[in-house]
Amino acid sequence: MNTLKIKWQRLLINGKTCPRCKLTEEELEKDISILKQYLNPLGIEIICRTIKVGNRVYETIPAELIVKAGLLAALQLIKK
């Protein structure tokens, strides 16, 4: 089985995820579910990893961009 690793970065403030990163996390959870529906039948496992970055702020990433990026990355796995 091929593996598609998804990495996202977030900002912690006093040990808690910042509000904008929390929104991205919520979108990502939905997107992982969608990607699994499409990619698991193709033999591609989804692994999502969180990266904590101390002083950087990341804006919320729209769900459609996360799904698009996941599908494009999976296409590269299929072509191998």
PDB file of N, CA and C in Angstrom:
ATOM      1  N   MET A   1       0.850  -1.181   0.000  1.00  0.00           N
ATOM      2  CA  MET A   1       0.000   0.000   0.000  1.00  0.00           C
ATOM      3  C   MET A   1       0.894   1.243   0.000  1.00  0.00           C
ATOM      4  N   ASN A   2       0.593   2.211  -0.864  1.00  0.00           N
ATOM      5  CA  ASN A   2       1.294   3.492  -0.861  1.00  0.00           C
ATOM      6  C   ASN A   2       0.780   4.348   0.282  1.00  0.00           C
ATOM      7  N   THR A   3       1.601   5.279   0.734  1.00  0.00           N
ATOM      8  CA  THR A   3       1.220   6.166   1.824  1.00  0.00           C
ATOM      9  C   THR A   3       1.316   7.607   1.369  1.00  0.00           C
ATOM     10  N   LEU A   4       0.259   8.377   1.619  1.00  0.00           N
ATOM     11  CA  LEU A   4       0.241   9.812   1.359  1.00  0.00           C
ATOM     12  C   LEU A   4       0.314  10.507   2.711  1.00  0.00           C
ATOM     13  N   LYS A   5       1.425  11.185   2.980  1.00  0.00           N
ATOM     14  CA  LYS A   5       1.594  11.890   4.250  1.00  0.00           C
ATOM     15  C   LYS A   5       1.179  13.341   4.068  1.00  0.00           C
ATOM     16  N   ILE A   6       0.323  13.807   4.959  1.00  0.00           N
ATOM     17  CA  ILE A   6      -0.120  15.195   4.949  1.00  0.00           C
ATOM     18  C   ILE A   6       0.455  15.859   6.187  1.00  0.00           C
ATOM     19  N   LYS A   7       1.171  16.944   5.966  1.00  0.00           N
ATOM     20  CA  LYS A   7       1.810  17.661   7.076  1.00  0.00           C
ATOM     21  C   LYS A   7       1.243  19.073   7.111  1.00  0.00           C
ATOM     22  N   TRP A   8       0.812  19.504   8.295  1.00  0.00           N
ATOM     23  CA  TRP A   8       0.383  20.886   8.430  1.00  0.00           C
ATOM     24  C   TRP A   8       1.041  21.489   9.651  1.00  0.00           C
ATOM     25  N   GLN A   9       1.200  22.797   9.611  1.00  0.00           N
ATOM     26  CA  GLN A   9       1.886  23.489  10.696  1.00  0.00           C
ATOM     27  C   GLN A   9       0.884  24.349  11.450  1.00  0.00           C
ATOM     28  N   ARG A  10       1.113  24.480  12.750  1.00  0.00           N
ATOM     29  CA  ARG A  10       0.213  25.291  13.572  1.00  0.00           C
ATOM     30  C   ARG A  10       0.996  26.089  14.596  1.00  0.00           C
ATOM     31  N   LEU A  11       0.350  27.095  15.120  1.00  0.00           N
ATOM     32  CA  LEU A  11       0.944  27.955  16.131  1.00  0.00           C
ATOM     33  C   LEU A  11       0.311  27.633  17.479  1.00  0.00           C
ATOM     34  N   LEU A  12       1.148  27.451  18.484  1.00  0.00           N
ATOM     35  CA  LEU A  12       0.650  27.249  19.844  1.00  0.00           C
ATOM     36  C   LEU A  12       0.821  28.532  20.634  1.00  0.00           C
ATOM     37  N   ILE A  13      -0.224  28.908  21.369  1.00  0.00           N
ATOM     38  CA  ILE A  13      -0.174  30.057  22.264  1.00  0.00           C
ATOM     39  C   ILE A  13      -0.526  29.532  23.647  1.00  0.00           C
ATOM     40  N   ASN A  14       0.437  29.614  24.561  1.00  0.00           N
ATOM     41  CA  ASN A  14       0.247  29.072  25.911  1.00  0.00           C
ATOM     42  C   ASN A  14      -0.185  27.609  25.873  1.00  0.00           C
ATOM     43  N   GLY A  15       0.418  26.847  24.976  1.00  0.00           N
ATOM     44  CA  GLY A  15       0.147  25.421  24.887  1.00  0.00           C
ATOM     45  C   GLY A  15      -1.134  25.047  24.162  1.00  0.00           C
ATOM     46  N   LYS A  16      -1.841  26.035  23.602  1.00  0.00           N
ATOM     47  CA  LYS A  16      -3.094  25.765  22.894  1.00  0.00           C
ATOM     48  C   LYS A  16      -2.964  26.212  21.441  1.00  0.00           C
ATOM     49  N   THR A  17      -3.680  25.532  20.565  1.00  0.00           N
ATOM     50  CA  THR A  17      -3.674  25.882  19.149  1.00  0.00           C
ATOM     51  C   THR A  17      -4.334  27.240  18.961  1.00  0.00           C
ATOM     52  N   CYS A  18      -3.704  28.117  18.159  1.00  0.00           N
ATOM     53  CA  CYS A  18      -4.276  29.444  17.908  1.00  0.00           C
ATOM     54  C   CYS A  18      -5.608  29.296  17.166  1.00  0.00           C
ATOM     55  N   PRO A  19      -6.500  30.294  17.257  1.00  0.00           N
ATOM     56  CA  PRO A  19      -7.827  30.188  16.635  1.00  0.00           C
ATOM     57  C   PRO A  19      -7.791  29.920  15.129  1.00  0.00           C
ATOM     58  N   ARG A  20      -6.908  30.575  14.392  1.00  0.00           N
ATOM     59  CA  ARG A  20      -6.844  30.358  12.941  1.00  0.00           C
ATOM     60  C   ARG A  20      -6.372  28.949  12.616  1.00  0.00           C
ATOM     61  N   CYS A  21      -5.396  28.468  13.364  1.00  0.00           N
ATOM     62  CA  CYS A  21      -4.899  27.108  13.125  1.00  0.00           C
ATOM     63  C   CYS A  21      -5.952  26.075  13.514  1.00  0.00           C
ATOM     64  N   LYS A  22      -6.750  26.381  14.522  1.00  0.00           N
ATOM     65  CA  LYS A  22      -7.824  25.473  14.938  1.00  0.00           C
ATOM     66  C   LYS A  22      -8.829  25.298  13.806  1.00  0.00           C
ATOM     67  N   LEU A  23      -9.146  26.403  13.096  1.00  0.00           N
ATOM     68  CA  LEU A  23     -10.061  26.314  11.957  1.00  0.00           C
ATOM     69  C   LEU A  23      -9.478  25.430  10.860  1.00  0.00           C
ATOM     70  N   THR A  24      -8.183  25.576  10.620  1.00  0.00           N
ATOM     71  CA  THR A  24      -7.521  24.733   9.624  1.00  0.00           C
ATOM     72  C   THR A  24      -7.582  23.274  10.049  1.00  0.00           C
ATOM     73  N   GLU A  25      -7.355  23.022  11.333  1.00  0.00           N
ATOM     74  CA  GLU A  25      -7.407  21.651  11.846  1.00  0.00           C
ATOM     75  C   GLU A  25      -8.789  21.036  11.615  1.00  0.00           C
ATOM     76  N   GLU A  26      -9.837  21.809  11.862  1.00  0.00           N
ATOM     77  CA  GLU A  26     -11.197  21.314  11.659  1.00  0.00           C
ATOM     78  C   GLU A  26     -11.450  20.993  10.186  1.00  0.00           C
ATOM     79  N   GLU A  27     -10.981  21.870   9.292  1.00  0.00           N
ATOM     80  CA  GLU A  27     -11.120  21.619   7.854  1.00  0.00           C
ATOM     81  C   GLU A  27     -10.344  20.365   7.454  1.00  0.00           C
ATOM     82  N   LEU A  28      -9.158  20.232   7.995  1.00  0.00           N
ATOM     83  CA  LEU A  28      -8.303  19.099   7.656  1.00  0.00           C
ATOM     84  C   LEU A  28      -8.940  17.775   8.056  1.00  0.00           C
ATOM     85  N   GLU A  29      -9.576  17.748   9.214  1.00  0.00           N
ATOM     86  CA  GLU A  29     -10.242  16.522   9.664  1.00  0.00           C
ATOM     87  C   GLU A  29     -11.316  16.095   8.668  1.00  0.00           C
ATOM     88  N   LYS A  30     -12.090  17.063   8.146  1.00  0.00           N
ATOM     89  CA  LYS A  30     -13.113  16.749   7.147  1.00  0.00           C
ATOM     90  C   LYS A  30     -12.464  16.262   5.854  1.00  0.00           C
ATOM     91  N   ASP A  31     -11.394  16.937   5.467  1.00  0.00           N
ATOM     92  CA  ASP A  31     -10.730  16.621   4.203  1.00  0.00           C
ATOM     93  C   ASP A  31     -10.094  15.240   4.215  1.00  0.00           C
ATOM     94  N   ILE A  32      -9.524  14.852   5.335  1.00  0.00           N
ATOM     95  CA  ILE A  32      -8.909  13.528   5.442  1.00  0.00           C
ATOM     96  C   ILE A  32      -9.969  12.459   5.199  1.00  0.00           C
ATOM     97  N   SER A  33     -11.147  12.671   5.743  1.00  0.00           N
ATOM     98  CA  SER A  33     -12.244  11.725   5.548  1.00  0.00           C
ATOM     99  C   SER A  33     -12.608  11.616   4.065  1.00  0.00           C
ATOM    100  N   ILE A  34     -12.672  12.746   3.370  1.00  0.00           N
ATOM    101  CA  ILE A  34     -12.988  12.752   1.934  1.00  0.00           C
ATOM    102  C   ILE A  34     -11.893  12.046   1.148  1.00  0.00           C
ATOM    103  N   LEU A  35     -10.651  12.390   1.437  1.00  0.00           N
ATOM    104  CA  LEU A  35      -9.537  11.781   0.714  1.00  0.00           C
ATOM    105  C   LEU A  35      -9.497  10.270   0.911  1.00  0.00           C
ATOM    106  N   LYS A  36      -9.778   9.803   2.126  1.00  0.00           N
ATOM    107  CA  LYS A  36      -9.773   8.361   2.383  1.00  0.00           C
ATOM    108  C   LYS A  36     -10.801   7.645   1.516  1.00  0.00           C
ATOM    109  N   GLN A  37     -11.968   8.265   1.324  1.00  0.00           N
ATOM    110  CA  GLN A  37     -13.007   7.654   0.493  1.00  0.00           C
ATOM    111  C   GLN A  37     -12.515   7.440  -0.937  1.00  0.00           C
ATOM    112  N   TYR A  38     -11.759   8.395  -1.458  1.00  0.00           N
ATOM    113  CA  TYR A  38     -11.268   8.312  -2.831  1.00  0.00           C
ATOM    114  C   TYR A  38     -10.001   7.471  -2.965  1.00  0.00           C
ATOM    115  N   LEU A  39      -9.118   7.577  -1.983  1.00  0.00           N
ATOM    116  CA  LEU A  39      -7.785   7.004  -2.150  1.00  0.00           C
ATOM    117  C   LEU A  39      -7.612   5.603  -1.573  1.00  0.00           C
ATOM    118  N   ASN A  40      -8.321   5.267  -0.508  1.00  0.00           N
ATOM    119  CA  ASN A  40      -8.183   3.921   0.060  1.00  0.00           C
ATOM    120  C   ASN A  40      -8.499   2.825  -0.958  1.00  0.00           C
ATOM    121  N   PRO A  41      -9.554   2.976  -1.790  1.00  0.00           N
ATOM    122  CA  PRO A  41      -9.809   1.938  -2.797  1.00  0.00           C
ATOM    123  C   PRO A  41      -8.675   1.796  -3.819  1.00  0.00           C
ATOM    124  N   LEU A  42      -7.840   2.826  -3.938  1.00  0.00           N
ATOM    125  CA  LEU A  42      -6.700   2.778  -4.857  1.00  0.00           C
ATOM    126  C   LEU A  42      -5.447   2.246  -4.180  1.00  0.00           C
ATOM    127  N   GLY A  43      -5.592   1.831  -2.912  1.00  0.00           N
ATOM    128  CA  GLY A  43      -4.443   1.291  -2.189  1.00  0.00           C
ATOM    129  C   GLY A  43      -3.534   2.361  -1.623  1.00  0.00           C
ATOM    130  N   ILE A  44      -4.093   3.554  -1.369  1.00  0.00           N
ATOM    131  CA  ILE A  44      -3.296   4.654  -0.811  1.00  0.00           C
ATOM    132  C   ILE A  44      -3.800   4.962   0.591  1.00  0.00           C
ATOM    133  N   GLU A  45      -2.906   4.856   1.553  1.00  0.00           N
ATOM    134  CA  GLU A  45      -3.222   5.145   2.956  1.00  0.00           C
ATOM    135  C   GLU A  45      -2.910   6.615   3.237  1.00  0.00           C
ATOM    136  N   ILE A  46      -3.781   7.283   3.992  1.00  0.00           N
ATOM    137  CA  ILE A  46      -3.582   8.686   4.351  1.00  0.00           C
ATOM    138  C   ILE A  46      -3.028   8.749   5.770  1.00  0.00           C
ATOM    139  N   ILE A  47      -1.927   9.468   5.940  1.00  0.00           N
ATOM    140  CA  ILE A  47      -1.364   9.722   7.267  1.00  0.00           C
ATOM    141  C   ILE A  47      -1.240  11.231   7.412  1.00  0.00           C
ATOM    142  N   CYS A  48      -1.826  11.773   8.460  1.00  0.00           N
ATOM    143  CA  CYS A  48      -1.768  13.216   8.690  1.00  0.00           C
ATOM    144  C   CYS A  48      -0.916  13.487   9.920  1.00  0.00           C
ATOM    145  N   ARG A  49       0.064  14.359   9.753  1.00  0.00           N
ATOM    146  CA  ARG A  49       0.971  14.702  10.853  1.00  0.00           C
ATOM    147  C   ARG A  49       0.888  16.196  11.139  1.00  0.00           C
ATOM    148  N   THR A  50       0.955  16.536  12.405  1.00  0.00           N
ATOM    149  CA  THR A  50       0.922  17.926  12.824  1.00  0.00           C
ATOM    150  C   THR A  50       2.324  18.384  13.179  1.00  0.00           C
ATOM    151  N   ILE A  51       2.697  19.551  12.688  1.00  0.00           N
ATOM    152  CA  ILE A  51       3.983  20.153  13.024  1.00  0.00           C
ATOM    153  C   ILE A  51       3.709  21.415  13.826  1.00  0.00           C
ATOM    154  N   LYS A  52       4.311  21.541  14.989  1.00  0.00           N
ATOM    155  CA  LYS A  52       4.160  22.730  15.820  1.00  0.00           C
ATOM    156  C   LYS A  52       5.323  23.663  15.531  1.00  0.00           C
ATOM    157  N   VAL A  53       5.022  24.923  15.225  1.00  0.00           N
ATOM    158  CA  VAL A  53       6.063  25.902  14.933  1.00  0.00           C
ATOM    159  C   VAL A  53       5.849  27.085  15.860  1.00  0.00           C
ATOM    160  N   GLY A  54       6.819  27.322  16.737  1.00  0.00           N
ATOM    161  CA  GLY A  54       6.706  28.311  17.800  1.00  0.00           C
ATOM    162  C   GLY A  54       6.221  29.695  17.453  1.00  0.00           C
ATOM    163  N   ASN A  55       6.899  30.437  16.571  1.00  0.00           N
ATOM    164  CA  ASN A  55       6.588  31.850  16.366  1.00  0.00           C
ATOM    165  C   ASN A  55       5.949  32.170  15.022  1.00  0.00           C
ATOM    166  N   ARG A  56       5.504  31.192  14.284  1.00  0.00           N
ATOM    167  CA  ARG A  56       4.916  31.456  12.964  1.00  0.00           C
ATOM    168  C   ARG A  56       3.406  31.291  13.007  1.00  0.00           C
ATOM    169  N   VAL A  57       2.710  32.136  12.271  1.00  0.00           N
ATOM    170  CA  VAL A  57       1.256  32.101  12.190  1.00  0.00           C
ATOM    171  C   VAL A  57       0.859  31.626  10.798  1.00  0.00           C
ATOM    172  N   TYR A  58      -0.040  30.663  10.712  1.00  0.00           N
ATOM    173  CA  TYR A  58      -0.511  30.140   9.433  1.00  0.00           C
ATOM    174  C   TYR A  58      -1.996  30.419   9.309  1.00  0.00           C
ATOM    175  N   GLU A  59      -2.410  30.974   8.177  1.00  0.00           N
ATOM    176  CA  GLU A  59      -3.814  31.265   7.923  1.00  0.00           C
ATOM    177  C   GLU A  59      -4.580  29.964   7.700  1.00  0.00           C
ATOM    178  N   THR A  60      -5.881  30.025   7.852  1.00  0.00           N
ATOM    179  CA  THR A  60      -6.734  28.869   7.591  1.00  0.00           C
ATOM    180  C   THR A  60      -6.636  28.488   6.124  1.00  0.00           C
ATOM    181  N   ILE A  61      -6.483  27.232   5.854  1.00  0.00           N
ATOM    182  CA  ILE A  61      -6.394  26.732   4.485  1.00  0.00           C
ATOM    183  C   ILE A  61      -7.775  26.216   4.086  1.00  0.00           C
ATOM    184  N   PRO A  62      -8.344  26.704   2.974  1.00  0.00           N
ATOM    185  CA  PRO A  62      -9.670  26.234   2.552  1.00  0.00           C
ATOM    186  C   PRO A  62      -9.671  24.735   2.260  1.00  0.00           C
ATOM    187  N   ALA A  63     -10.776  24.085   2.594  1.00  0.00           N
ATOM    188  CA  ALA A  63     -10.903  22.637   2.419  1.00  0.00           C
ATOM    189  C   ALA A  63     -10.632  22.213   0.986  1.00  0.00           C
ATOM    190  N   GLU A  64     -11.127  22.971   0.024  1.00  0.00           N
ATOM    191  CA  GLU A  64     -10.961  22.574  -1.381  1.00  0.00           C
ATOM    192  C   GLU A  64      -9.494  22.515  -1.789  1.00  0.00           C
ATOM    193  N   LEU A  65      -8.658  23.387  -1.226  1.00  0.00           N
ATOM    194  CA  LEU A  65      -7.236  23.357  -1.560  1.00  0.00           C
ATOM    195  C   LEU A  65      -6.543  22.144  -0.956  1.00  0.00           C
ATOM    196  N   ILE A  66      -6.960  21.755   0.236  1.00  0.00           N
ATOM    197  CA  ILE A  66      -6.367  20.583   0.879  1.00  0.00           C
ATOM    198  C   ILE A  66      -6.721  19.324   0.084  1.00  0.00           C
ATOM    199  N   VAL A  67      -7.984  19.211  -0.321  1.00  0.00           N
ATOM    200  CA  VAL A  67      -8.403  18.045  -1.106  1.00  0.00           C
ATOM    201  C   VAL A  67      -7.672  18.025  -2.441  1.00  0.00           C
ATOM    202  N   LYS A  68      -7.585  19.174  -3.105  1.00  0.00           N
ATOM    203  CA  LYS A  68      -6.890  19.248  -4.400  1.00  0.00           C
ATOM    204  C   LYS A  68      -5.433  18.818  -4.257  1.00  0.00           C
ATOM    205  N   ALA A  69      -4.760  19.328  -3.233  1.00  0.00           N
ATOM    206  CA  ALA A  69      -3.356  18.964  -3.017  1.00  0.00           C
ATOM    207  C   ALA A  69      -3.216  17.469  -2.740  1.00  0.00           C
ATOM    208  N   GLY A  70      -4.135  16.921  -1.967  1.00  0.00           N
ATOM    209  CA  GLY A  70      -4.088  15.491  -1.671  1.00  0.00           C
ATOM    210  C   GLY A  70      -4.284  14.640  -2.910  1.00  0.00           C
ATOM    211  N   LEU A  71      -5.227  15.037  -3.758  1.00  0.00           N
ATOM    212  CA  LEU A  71      -5.474  14.285  -4.991  1.00  0.00           C
ATOM    213  C   LEU A  71      -4.298  14.389  -5.951  1.00  0.00           C
ATOM    214  N   LEU A  72      -3.692  15.568  -6.054  1.00  0.00           N
ATOM    215  CA  LEU A  72      -2.523  15.726  -6.922  1.00  0.00           C
ATOM    216  C   LEU A  72      -1.348  14.887  -6.424  1.00  0.00           C
ATOM    217  N   ALA A  73      -1.145  14.866  -5.111  1.00  0.00           N
ATOM    218  CA  ALA A  73      -0.059  14.063  -4.549  1.00  0.00           C
ATOM    219  C   ALA A  73      -0.326  12.573  -4.773  1.00  0.00           C
ATOM    220  N   ALA A  74      -1.579  12.164  -4.627  1.00  0.00           N
ATOM    221  CA  ALA A  74      -1.931  10.761  -4.845  1.00  0.00           C
ATOM    222  C   ALA A  74      -1.707  10.362  -6.300  1.00  0.00           C
ATOM    223  N   LEU A  75      -1.974  11.268  -7.221  1.00  0.00           N
ATOM    224  CA  LEU A  75      -1.738  10.996  -8.637  1.00  0.00           C
ATOM    225  C   LEU A  75      -0.273  10.652  -8.884  1.00  0.00           C
ATOM    226  N   GLN A  76       0.610  11.345  -8.192  1.00  0.00           N
ATOM    227  CA  GLN A  76       2.037  11.053  -8.322  1.00  0.00           C
ATOM    228  C   GLN A  76       2.360   9.653  -7.799  1.00  0.00           C
ATOM    229  N   LEU A  77       1.679   9.228  -6.731  1.00  0.00           N
ATOM    230  CA  LEU A  77       1.887   7.877  -6.196  1.00  0.00           C
ATOM    231  C   LEU A  77       1.404   6.816  -7.181  1.00  0.00           C
ATOM    232  N   ILE A  78       0.286   7.081  -7.836  1.00  0.00           N
ATOM    233  CA  ILE A  78      -0.281   6.126  -8.787  1.00  0.00           C
ATOM    234  C   ILE A  78       0.620   5.974 -10.004  1.00  0.00           C
ATOM    235  N   LYS A  79       1.260   7.056 -10.425  1.00  0.00           N
ATOM    236  CA  LYS A  79       2.120   7.041 -11.612  1.00  0.00           C
ATOM    237  C   LYS A  79       3.395   6.234 -11.411  1.00  0.00           C
ATOM    238  N   LYS A  80       3.766   5.961 -10.151  1.00  0.00           N
ATOM    239  CA  LYS A  80       5.023   5.240  -9.872  1.00  0.00           C
ATOM    240  C   LYS A  80       4.993   3.836 -10.398  1.00  0.00           C
TER     241      LYS A  80
END
